[in-house]
PDB file of N, CA and C in Angstrom:
ATOM      1  N   MET A   1     -13.696  24.343 -19.280  1.00  0.00           N
ATOM      2  CA  MET A   1     -12.432  24.864 -18.836  1.00  0.00           C
ATOM      3  C   MET A   1     -11.927  25.935 -19.807  1.00  0.00           C
ATOM      4  N   THR A   2     -12.112  25.699 -21.074  1.00  0.00           N
ATOM      5  CA  THR A   2     -11.652  26.670 -22.077  1.00  0.00           C
ATOM      6  C   THR A   2     -12.391  27.992 -21.933  1.00  0.00           C
ATOM      7  N   ALA A   3     -13.695  27.922 -21.696  1.00  0.00           N
ATOM      8  CA  ALA A   3     -14.484  29.157 -21.558  1.00  0.00           C
ATOM      9  C   ALA A   3     -14.052  29.947 -20.328  1.00  0.00           C
ATOM     10  N   ARG A   4     -13.739  29.252 -19.237  1.00  0.00           N
ATOM     11  CA  ARG A   4     -13.322  29.940 -18.018  1.00  0.00           C
ATOM     12  C   ARG A   4     -11.981  30.644 -18.233  1.00  0.00           C
ATOM     13  N   ILE A   5     -11.047  29.988 -18.890  1.00  0.00           N
ATOM     14  CA  ILE A   5      -9.747  30.616 -19.149  1.00  0.00           C
ATOM     15  C   ILE A   5      -9.908  31.775 -20.124  1.00  0.00           C
ATOM     16  N   ARG A   6     -10.762  31.588 -21.125  1.00  0.00           N
ATOM     17  CA  ARG A   6     -11.007  32.668 -22.091  1.00  0.00           C
ATOM     18  C   ARG A   6     -11.604  33.898 -21.405  1.00  0.00           C
ATOM     19  N   ASN A   7     -12.508  33.676 -20.424  1.00  0.00           N
ATOM     20  CA  ASN A   7     -13.121  34.801 -19.712  1.00  0.00           C
ATOM     21  C   ASN A   7     -12.143  35.464 -18.747  1.00  0.00           C
ATOM     22  N   GLU A   8     -11.261  34.674 -18.097  1.00  0.00           N
ATOM     23  CA  GLU A   8     -10.325  35.251 -17.129  1.00  0.00           C
ATOM     24  C   GLU A   8      -9.158  35.963 -17.809  1.00  0.00           C
ATOM     25  N   TYR A   9      -8.693  35.453 -18.933  1.00  0.00           N
ATOM     26  CA  TYR A   9      -7.532  36.012 -19.624  1.00  0.00           C
ATOM     27  C   TYR A   9      -7.849  36.244 -21.103  1.00  0.00           C
ATOM     28  N   PRO A  10      -8.736  37.181 -21.396  1.00  0.00           N
ATOM     29  CA  PRO A  10      -9.133  37.354 -22.805  1.00  0.00           C
ATOM     30  C   PRO A  10      -7.994  37.855 -23.693  1.00  0.00           C
ATOM     31  N   ARG A  11      -7.182  38.806 -23.201  1.00  0.00           N
ATOM     32  CA  ARG A  11      -6.100  39.344 -24.028  1.00  0.00           C
ATOM     33  C   ARG A  11      -5.041  38.276 -24.321  1.00  0.00           C
ATOM     34  N   GLU A  12      -4.628  37.556 -23.286  1.00  0.00           N
ATOM     35  CA  GLU A  12      -3.606  36.524 -23.470  1.00  0.00           C
ATOM     36  C   GLU A  12      -4.109  35.415 -24.394  1.00  0.00           C
ATOM     37  N   PHE A  13      -5.401  35.113 -24.288  1.00  0.00           N
ATOM     38  CA  PHE A  13      -5.984  34.069 -25.119  1.00  0.00           C
ATOM     39  C   PHE A  13      -5.949  34.491 -26.581  1.00  0.00           C
ATOM     40  N   GLU A  14      -6.262  35.753 -26.842  1.00  0.00           N
ATOM     41  CA  GLU A  14      -6.250  36.257 -28.225  1.00  0.00           C
ATOM     42  C   GLU A  14      -4.818  36.383 -28.748  1.00  0.00           C
ATOM     43  N   LYS A  15      -3.881  36.827 -27.873  1.00  0.00           N
ATOM     44  CA  LYS A  15      -2.485  36.978 -28.306  1.00  0.00           C
ATOM     45  C   LYS A  15      -1.860  35.629 -28.657  1.00  0.00           C
ATOM     46  N   ALA A  16      -2.276  34.589 -27.969  1.00  0.00           N
ATOM     47  CA  ALA A  16      -1.727  33.257 -28.225  1.00  0.00           C
ATOM     48  C   ALA A  16      -2.195  32.715 -29.572  1.00  0.00           C
ATOM     49  N   GLY A  17      -3.242  33.288 -30.120  1.00  0.00           N
ATOM     50  CA  GLY A  17      -3.710  32.897 -31.440  1.00  0.00           C
ATOM     51  C   GLY A  17      -4.590  31.663 -31.439  1.00  0.00           C
ATOM     52  N   PHE A  18      -5.294  31.415 -30.346  1.00  0.00           N
ATOM     53  CA  PHE A  18      -6.201  30.276 -30.301  1.00  0.00           C
ATOM     54  C   PHE A  18      -7.439  30.581 -31.118  1.00  0.00           C
ATOM     55  N   PRO A  19      -7.837  29.695 -32.006  1.00  0.00           N
ATOM     56  CA  PRO A  19      -9.092  29.899 -32.746  1.00  0.00           C
ATOM     57  C   PRO A  19     -10.289  29.778 -31.796  1.00  0.00           C
ATOM     58  N   ASP A  20     -11.422  30.262 -32.238  1.00  0.00           N
ATOM     59  CA  ASP A  20     -12.605  30.268 -31.379  1.00  0.00           C
ATOM     60  C   ASP A  20     -13.094  28.862 -31.038  1.00  0.00           C
ATOM     61  N   GLY A  21     -12.969  27.908 -31.914  1.00  0.00           N
ATOM     62  CA  GLY A  21     -13.482  26.568 -31.657  1.00  0.00           C
ATOM     63  C   GLY A  21     -12.499  25.664 -30.906  1.00  0.00           C
ATOM     64  N   MET A  22     -11.312  26.173 -30.597  1.00  0.00           N
ATOM     65  CA  MET A  22     -10.302  25.332 -29.952  1.00  0.00           C
ATOM     66  C   MET A  22     -10.639  25.110 -28.481  1.00  0.00           C
ATOM     67  N   ARG A  23     -10.366  23.882 -28.022  1.00  0.00           N
ATOM     68  CA  ARG A  23     -10.628  23.538 -26.623  1.00  0.00           C
ATOM     69  C   ARG A  23      -9.325  23.177 -25.930  1.00  0.00           C
ATOM     70  N   ILE A  24      -9.277  23.387 -24.618  1.00  0.00           N
ATOM     71  CA  ILE A  24      -8.129  23.022 -23.800  1.00  0.00           C
ATOM     72  C   ILE A  24      -8.537  21.829 -22.948  1.00  0.00           C
ATOM     73  N   LEU A  25      -7.724  20.786 -23.011  1.00  0.00           N
ATOM     74  CA  LEU A  25      -7.987  19.593 -22.208  1.00  0.00           C
ATOM     75  C   LEU A  25      -6.849  19.399 -21.220  1.00  0.00           C
ATOM     76  N   ALA A  26      -7.197  19.059 -19.984  1.00  0.00           N
ATOM     77  CA  ALA A  26      -6.187  18.788 -18.956  1.00  0.00           C
ATOM     78  C   ALA A  26      -6.103  17.282 -18.735  1.00  0.00           C
ATOM     79  N   THR A  27      -4.881  16.779 -18.719  1.00  0.00           N
ATOM     80  CA  THR A  27      -4.638  15.363 -18.476  1.00  0.00           C
ATOM     81  C   THR A  27      -3.762  15.239 -17.236  1.00  0.00           C
ATOM     82  N   PRO A  28      -4.113  14.359 -16.304  1.00  0.00           N
ATOM     83  CA  PRO A  28      -3.262  14.189 -15.131  1.00  0.00           C
ATOM     84  C   PRO A  28      -1.852  13.755 -15.535  1.00  0.00           C
ATOM     85  N   LEU A  29      -0.851  14.246 -14.804  1.00  0.00           N
ATOM     86  CA  LEU A  29       0.533  13.977 -15.146  1.00  0.00           C
ATOM     87  C   LEU A  29       0.860  12.492 -15.071  1.00  0.00           C
ATOM     88  N   GLN A  30       0.327  11.799 -14.074  1.00  0.00           N
ATOM     89  CA  GLN A  30       0.603  10.369 -13.946  1.00  0.00           C
ATOM     90  C   GLN A  30       0.114   9.609 -15.180  1.00  0.00           C
ATOM     91  N   ARG A  31      -1.070   9.920 -15.663  1.00  0.00           N
ATOM     92  CA  ARG A  31      -1.604   9.266 -16.855  1.00  0.00           C
ATOM     93  C   ARG A  31      -0.786   9.644 -18.084  1.00  0.00           C
ATOM     94  N   ARG A  32      -0.320  10.871 -18.105  1.00  0.00           N
ATOM     95  CA  ARG A  32       0.478  11.339 -19.235  1.00  0.00           C
ATOM     96  C   ARG A  32       1.816  10.597 -19.301  1.00  0.00           C
ATOM     97  N   ILE A  33       2.431  10.345 -18.136  1.00  0.00           N
ATOM     98  CA  ILE A  33       3.735   9.684 -18.098  1.00  0.00           C
ATOM     99  C   ILE A  33       3.601   8.189 -18.344  1.00  0.00           C
ATOM    100  N   THR A  34       2.701   7.528 -17.617  1.00  0.00           N
ATOM    101  CA  THR A  34       2.597   6.073 -17.725  1.00  0.00           C
ATOM    102  C   THR A  34       1.795   5.643 -18.945  1.00  0.00           C
ATOM    103  N   GLY A  35       0.751   6.351 -19.268  1.00  0.00           N
ATOM    104  CA  GLY A  35      -0.040   6.045 -20.459  1.00  0.00           C
ATOM    105  C   GLY A  35      -0.552   4.620 -20.480  1.00  0.00           C
ATOM    106  N   ASP A  36      -0.191   3.872 -21.519  1.00  0.00           N
ATOM    107  CA  ASP A  36      -0.648   2.499 -21.678  1.00  0.00           C
ATOM    108  C   ASP A  36       0.169   1.503 -20.854  1.00  0.00           C
ATOM    109  N   LEU A  37       1.188   1.971 -20.161  1.00  0.00           N
ATOM    110  CA  LEU A  37       2.045   1.072 -19.391  1.00  0.00           C
ATOM    111  C   LEU A  37       1.459   0.709 -18.031  1.00  0.00           C
ATOM    112  N   ARG A  38       0.406   1.352 -17.614  1.00  0.00           N
ATOM    113  CA  ARG A  38      -0.138   1.123 -16.274  1.00  0.00           C
ATOM    114  C   ARG A  38      -0.468  -0.345 -16.001  1.00  0.00           C
ATOM    115  N   PRO A  39      -1.169  -1.066 -16.878  1.00  0.00           N
ATOM    116  CA  PRO A  39      -1.446  -2.483 -16.588  1.00  0.00           C
ATOM    117  C   PRO A  39      -0.168  -3.318 -16.460  1.00  0.00           C
ATOM    118  N   ALA A  40       0.810  -3.040 -17.320  1.00  0.00           N
ATOM    119  CA  ALA A  40       2.068  -3.788 -17.245  1.00  0.00           C
ATOM    120  C   ALA A  40       2.803  -3.480 -15.948  1.00  0.00           C
ATOM    121  N   LEU A  41       2.778  -2.233 -15.515  1.00  0.00           N
ATOM    122  CA  LEU A  41       3.423  -1.867 -14.252  1.00  0.00           C
ATOM    123  C   LEU A  41       2.730  -2.514 -13.059  1.00  0.00           C
ATOM    124  N   MET A  42       1.429  -2.650 -13.120  1.00  0.00           N
ATOM    125  CA  MET A  42       0.703  -3.305 -12.031  1.00  0.00           C
ATOM    126  C   MET A  42       1.053  -4.785 -11.959  1.00  0.00           C
ATOM    127  N   VAL A  43       1.155  -5.447 -13.111  1.00  0.00           N
ATOM    128  CA  VAL A  43       1.540  -6.863 -13.137  1.00  0.00           C
ATOM    129  C   VAL A  43       2.962  -7.025 -12.611  1.00  0.00           C
ATOM    130  N   LEU A  44       3.842  -6.146 -13.027  1.00  0.00           N
ATOM    131  CA  LEU A  44       5.233  -6.205 -12.573  1.00  0.00           C
ATOM    132  C   LEU A  44       5.345  -5.973 -11.072  1.00  0.00           C
ATOM    133  N   SER A  45       4.568  -5.039 -10.546  1.00  0.00           N
ATOM    134  CA  SER A  45       4.622  -4.780  -9.109  1.00  0.00           C
ATOM    135  C   SER A  45       4.029  -5.934  -8.302  1.00  0.00           C
ATOM    136  N   GLY A  46       3.232  -6.764  -8.913  1.00  0.00           N
ATOM    137  CA  GLY A  46       2.736  -7.959  -8.240  1.00  0.00           C
ATOM    138  C   GLY A  46       3.672  -9.139  -8.403  1.00  0.00           C
ATOM    139  N   ALA A  47       4.411  -9.193  -9.505  1.00  0.00           N
ATOM    140  CA  ALA A  47       5.306 -10.318  -9.774  1.00  0.00           C
ATOM    141  C   ALA A  47       6.596 -10.232  -8.961  1.00  0.00           C
ATOM    142  N   VAL A  48       7.079  -9.050  -8.695  1.00  0.00           N
ATOM    143  CA  VAL A  48       8.334  -8.893  -7.959  1.00  0.00           C
ATOM    144  C   VAL A  48       8.252  -9.489  -6.557  1.00  0.00           C
ATOM    145  N   PRO A  49       7.228  -9.177  -5.745  1.00  0.00           N
ATOM    146  CA  PRO A  49       7.157  -9.828  -4.428  1.00  0.00           C
ATOM    147  C   PRO A  49       7.014 -11.341  -4.508  1.00  0.00           C
ATOM    148  N   LEU A  50       6.331 -11.840  -5.523  1.00  0.00           N
ATOM    149  CA  LEU A  50       6.182 -13.282  -5.685  1.00  0.00           C
ATOM    150  C   LEU A  50       7.534 -13.939  -5.948  1.00  0.00           C
ATOM    151  N   VAL A  51       8.341 -13.347  -6.802  1.00  0.00           N
ATOM    152  CA  VAL A  51       9.663 -13.889  -7.089  1.00  0.00           C
ATOM    153  C   VAL A  51      10.550 -13.818  -5.852  1.00  0.00           C
ATOM    154  N   LEU A  52      10.473 -12.719  -5.110  1.00  0.00           N
ATOM    155  CA  LEU A  52      11.256 -12.601  -3.878  1.00  0.00           C
ATOM    156  C   LEU A  52      10.831 -13.636  -2.850  1.00  0.00           C
ATOM    157  N   PHE A  53       9.549 -13.918  -2.769  1.00  0.00           N
ATOM    158  CA  PHE A  53       9.062 -14.939  -1.837  1.00  0.00           C
ATOM    159  C   PHE A  53       9.579 -16.318  -2.227  1.00  0.00           C
ATOM    160  N   ILE A  54       9.539 -16.632  -3.508  1.00  0.00           N
ATOM    161  CA  ILE A  54      10.027 -17.934  -3.971  1.00  0.00           C
ATOM    162  C   ILE A  54      11.526 -18.067  -3.701  1.00  0.00           C
ATOM    163  N   ALA A  55      12.282 -17.008  -3.950  1.00  0.00           N
ATOM    164  CA  ALA A  55      13.726 -17.053  -3.716  1.00  0.00           C
ATOM    165  C   ALA A  55      14.045 -17.220  -2.235  1.00  0.00           C
ATOM    166  N   SER A  56      13.313 -16.524  -1.368  1.00  0.00           N
ATOM    167  CA  SER A  56      13.577 -16.653   0.069  1.00  0.00           C
ATOM    168  C   SER A  56      13.166 -18.029   0.580  1.00  0.00           C
ATOM    169  N   ALA A  57      12.103 -18.597   0.045  1.00  0.00           N
ATOM    170  CA  ALA A  57      11.715 -19.951   0.444  1.00  0.00           C
ATOM    171  C   ALA A  57      12.767 -20.957  -0.005  1.00  0.00           C
ATOM    172  N   HIS A  58      13.329 -20.737  -1.176  1.00  0.00           N
ATOM    173  CA  HIS A  58      14.391 -21.615  -1.674  1.00  0.00           C
ATOM    174  C   HIS A  58      15.630 -21.519  -0.782  1.00  0.00           C
ATOM    175  N   MET A  59      16.017 -20.301  -0.418  1.00  0.00           N
ATOM    176  CA  MET A  59      17.194 -20.118   0.437  1.00  0.00           C
ATOM    177  C   MET A  59      16.970 -20.706   1.826  1.00  0.00           C
ATOM    178  N   ALA A  60      15.750 -20.651   2.326  1.00  0.00           N
ATOM    179  CA  ALA A  60      15.456 -21.224   3.638  1.00  0.00           C
ATOM    180  C   ALA A  60      15.465 -22.752   3.578  1.00  0.00           C
ATOM    181  N   ASN A  61      15.153 -23.321   2.441  1.00  0.00           N
ATOM    182  CA  ASN A  61      15.095 -24.769   2.309  1.00  0.00           C
ATOM    183  C   ASN A  61      16.478 -25.395   2.105  1.00  0.00           C
ATOM    184  N   LEU A  62      17.458 -24.643   1.638  1.00  0.00           N
ATOM    185  CA  LEU A  62      18.779 -25.203   1.370  1.00  0.00           C
ATOM    186  C   LEU A  62      19.446 -25.803   2.608  1.00  0.00           C
ATOM    187  N   PRO A  63      19.490 -25.128   3.763  1.00  0.00           N
ATOM    188  CA  PRO A  63      20.100 -25.755   4.940  1.00  0.00           C
ATOM    189  C   PRO A  63      19.354 -27.013   5.392  1.00  0.00           C
ATOM    190  N   LEU A  64      18.048 -27.020   5.243  1.00  0.00           N
ATOM    191  CA  LEU A  64      17.280 -28.205   5.617  1.00  0.00           C
ATOM    192  C   LEU A  64      17.604 -29.374   4.704  1.00  0.00           C
ATOM    193  N   ALA A  65      17.778 -29.103   3.428  1.00  0.00           N
ATOM    194  CA  ALA A  65      18.132 -30.163   2.477  1.00  0.00           C
ATOM    195  C   ALA A  65      19.532 -30.694   2.760  1.00  0.00           C
ATOM    196  N   ARG A  66      20.441 -29.813   3.123  1.00  0.00           N
ATOM    197  CA  ARG A  66      21.785 -30.250   3.468  1.00  0.00           C
ATOM    198  C   ARG A  66      21.786 -31.147   4.699  1.00  0.00           C
ATOM    199  N   ALA A  67      21.021 -30.754   5.694  1.00  0.00           N
ATOM    200  CA  ALA A  67      20.945 -31.551   6.908  1.00  0.00           C
ATOM    201  C   ALA A  67      20.310 -32.908   6.619  1.00  0.00           C
ATOM    202  N   ALA A  68      19.306 -32.948   5.789  1.00  0.00           N
ATOM    203  CA  ALA A  68      18.663 -34.207   5.437  1.00  0.00           C
ATOM    204  C   ALA A  68      19.624 -35.099   4.648  1.00  0.00           C
ATOM    205  N   ARG A  69      20.403 -34.495   3.771  1.00  0.00           N
ATOM    206  CA  ARG A  69      21.377 -35.262   3.009  1.00  0.00           C
ATOM    207  C   ARG A  69      22.465 -35.820   3.927  1.00  0.00           C
ATOM    208  N   ALA A  70      22.880 -35.015   4.911  1.00  0.00           N
ATOM    209  CA  ALA A  70      23.899 -35.476   5.852  1.00  0.00           C
ATOM    210  C   ALA A  70      23.373 -36.634   6.689  1.00  0.00           C
ATOM    211  N   ARG A  71      22.116 -36.559   7.073  1.00  0.00           N
ATOM    212  CA  ARG A  71      21.519 -37.650   7.856  1.00  0.00           C
ATOM    213  C   ARG A  71      21.424 -38.933   7.018  1.00  0.00           C
ATOM    214  N   SER A  72      21.038 -38.792   5.774  1.00  0.00           N
ATOM    215  CA  SER A  72      20.877 -39.979   4.940  1.00  0.00           C
ATOM    216  C   SER A  72      22.223 -40.572   4.528  1.00  0.00           C
ATOM    217  N   ALA A  73      23.272 -39.778   4.591  1.00  0.00           N
ATOM    218  CA  ALA A  73      24.600 -40.262   4.207  1.00  0.00           C
ATOM    219  C   ALA A  73      25.246 -41.072   5.331  1.00  0.00           C
ATOM    220  N   GLY A  74      24.574 -41.147   6.461  1.00  0.00           N
ATOM    221  CA  GLY A  74      25.084 -41.974   7.539  1.00  0.00           C
ATOM    222  C   GLY A  74      25.766 -41.206   8.651  1.00  0.00           C
ATOM    223  N   SER A  75      25.645 -39.881   8.660  1.00  0.00           N
ATOM    224  CA  SER A  75      26.264 -39.155   9.758  1.00  0.00           C
ATOM    225  C   SER A  75      25.454 -39.359  11.032  1.00  0.00           C
ATOM    226  N   LYS A  76      26.060 -39.042  12.118  1.00  0.00           N
ATOM    227  CA  LYS A  76      25.395 -39.255  13.404  1.00  0.00           C
ATOM    228  C   LYS A  76      24.269 -38.241  13.578  1.00  0.00           C
ATOM    229  N   LYS A  77      23.181 -38.679  14.169  1.00  0.00           N
ATOM    230  CA  LYS A  77      22.007 -37.816  14.312  1.00  0.00           C
ATOM    231  C   LYS A  77      22.298 -36.621  15.221  1.00  0.00           C
ATOM    232  N   HIS A  78      23.110 -36.811  16.206  1.00  0.00           N
ATOM    233  CA  HIS A  78      23.345 -35.701  17.133  1.00  0.00           C
ATOM    234  C   HIS A  78      24.219 -34.608  16.493  1.00  0.00           C
ATOM    235  N   LEU A  79      24.900 -34.890  15.397  1.00  0.00           N
ATOM    236  CA  LEU A  79      25.693 -33.879  14.700  1.00  0.00           C
ATOM    237  C   LEU A  79      24.892 -33.150  13.625  1.00  0.00           C
ATOM    238  N   ALA A  80      23.815 -33.765  13.150  1.00  0.00           N
ATOM    239  CA  ALA A  80      23.037 -33.162  12.062  1.00  0.00           C
ATOM    240  C   ALA A  80      22.382 -31.863  12.499  1.00  0.00           C
ATOM    241  N   HIS A  81      21.916 -31.777  13.723  1.00  0.00           N
ATOM    242  CA  HIS A  81      21.261 -30.532  14.151  1.00  0.00           C
ATOM    243  C   HIS A  81      22.273 -29.418  14.370  1.00  0.00           C
ATOM    244  N   ARG A  82      23.557 -29.750  14.509  1.00  0.00           N
ATOM    245  CA  ARG A  82      24.591 -28.724  14.650  1.00  0.00           C
ATOM    246  C   ARG A  82      24.994 -28.141  13.301  1.00  0.00           C
ATOM    247  N   GLU A  83      24.730 -28.858  12.245  1.00  0.00           N
ATOM    248  CA  GLU A  83      25.100 -28.375  10.913  1.00  0.00           C
ATOM    249  C   GLU A  83      24.170 -27.276  10.403  1.00  0.00           C
ATOM    250  N   ILE A  84      22.945 -27.283  10.830  1.00  0.00           N
ATOM    251  CA  ILE A  84      21.956 -26.339  10.276  1.00  0.00           C
ATOM    252  C   ILE A  84      22.340 -24.877  10.498  1.00  0.00           C
ATOM    253  N   PRO A  85      22.711 -24.438  11.712  1.00  0.00           N
ATOM    254  CA  PRO A  85      23.092 -23.015  11.854  1.00  0.00           C
ATOM    255  C   PRO A  85      24.318 -22.653  11.038  1.00  0.00           C
ATOM    256  N   TRP A  86      25.333 -23.539  10.981  1.00  0.00           N
ATOM    257  CA  TRP A  86      26.544 -23.229  10.229  1.00  0.00           C
ATOM    258  C   TRP A  86      26.263 -23.226   8.727  1.00  0.00           C
ATOM    259  N   ALA A  87      25.388 -24.060   8.274  1.00  0.00           N
ATOM    260  CA  ALA A  87      25.061 -24.096   6.850  1.00  0.00           C
ATOM    261  C   ALA A  87      24.365 -22.802   6.429  1.00  0.00           C
ATOM    262  N   SER A  88      23.519 -22.261   7.282  1.00  0.00           N
ATOM    263  CA  SER A  88      22.829 -21.032   6.921  1.00  0.00           C
ATOM    264  C   SER A  88      23.782 -19.843   6.905  1.00  0.00           C
ATOM    265  N   LEU A  89      24.853 -19.893   7.710  1.00  0.00           N
ATOM    266  CA  LEU A  89      25.830 -18.803   7.691  1.00  0.00           C
ATOM    267  C   LEU A  89      26.702 -18.837   6.443  1.00  0.00           C
ATOM    268  N   SER A  90      26.840 -19.987   5.850  1.00  0.00           N
ATOM    269  CA  SER A  90      27.678 -20.092   4.670  1.00  0.00           C
ATOM    270  C   SER A  90      27.061 -19.421   3.446  1.00  0.00           C
ATOM    271  N   PHE A  91      25.777 -19.080   3.461  1.00  0.00           N
ATOM    272  CA  PHE A  91      25.117 -18.429   2.326  1.00  0.00           C
ATOM    273  C   PHE A  91      25.263 -16.917   2.361  1.00  0.00           C
ATOM    274  N   SER A  92      25.606 -16.374   3.528  1.00  0.00           N
ATOM    275  CA  SER A  92      25.690 -14.910   3.606  1.00  0.00           C
ATOM    276  C   SER A  92      27.035 -14.366   3.252  1.00  0.00           C
TER     277      SER A  92
END
């Protein structure tokens, strides 16, 4: 790459003061920005959906646990199924 730039722009190359043995290396911008953080970012991008899944499963289980507790506390069975929709609305 250095030889090609030197051949295309000889005057600019000399004016810039580059020594003869100097080389130009190109690094992709993404690698330049993230650098050594890439593995950590990949782990984080995998952990976030897992945490969201666990939280949503927990929120979905809360109305069921309430209904089960109401049933075990001696409430009437025909009223327990009516509590589930109202219990889920109380979380929003």
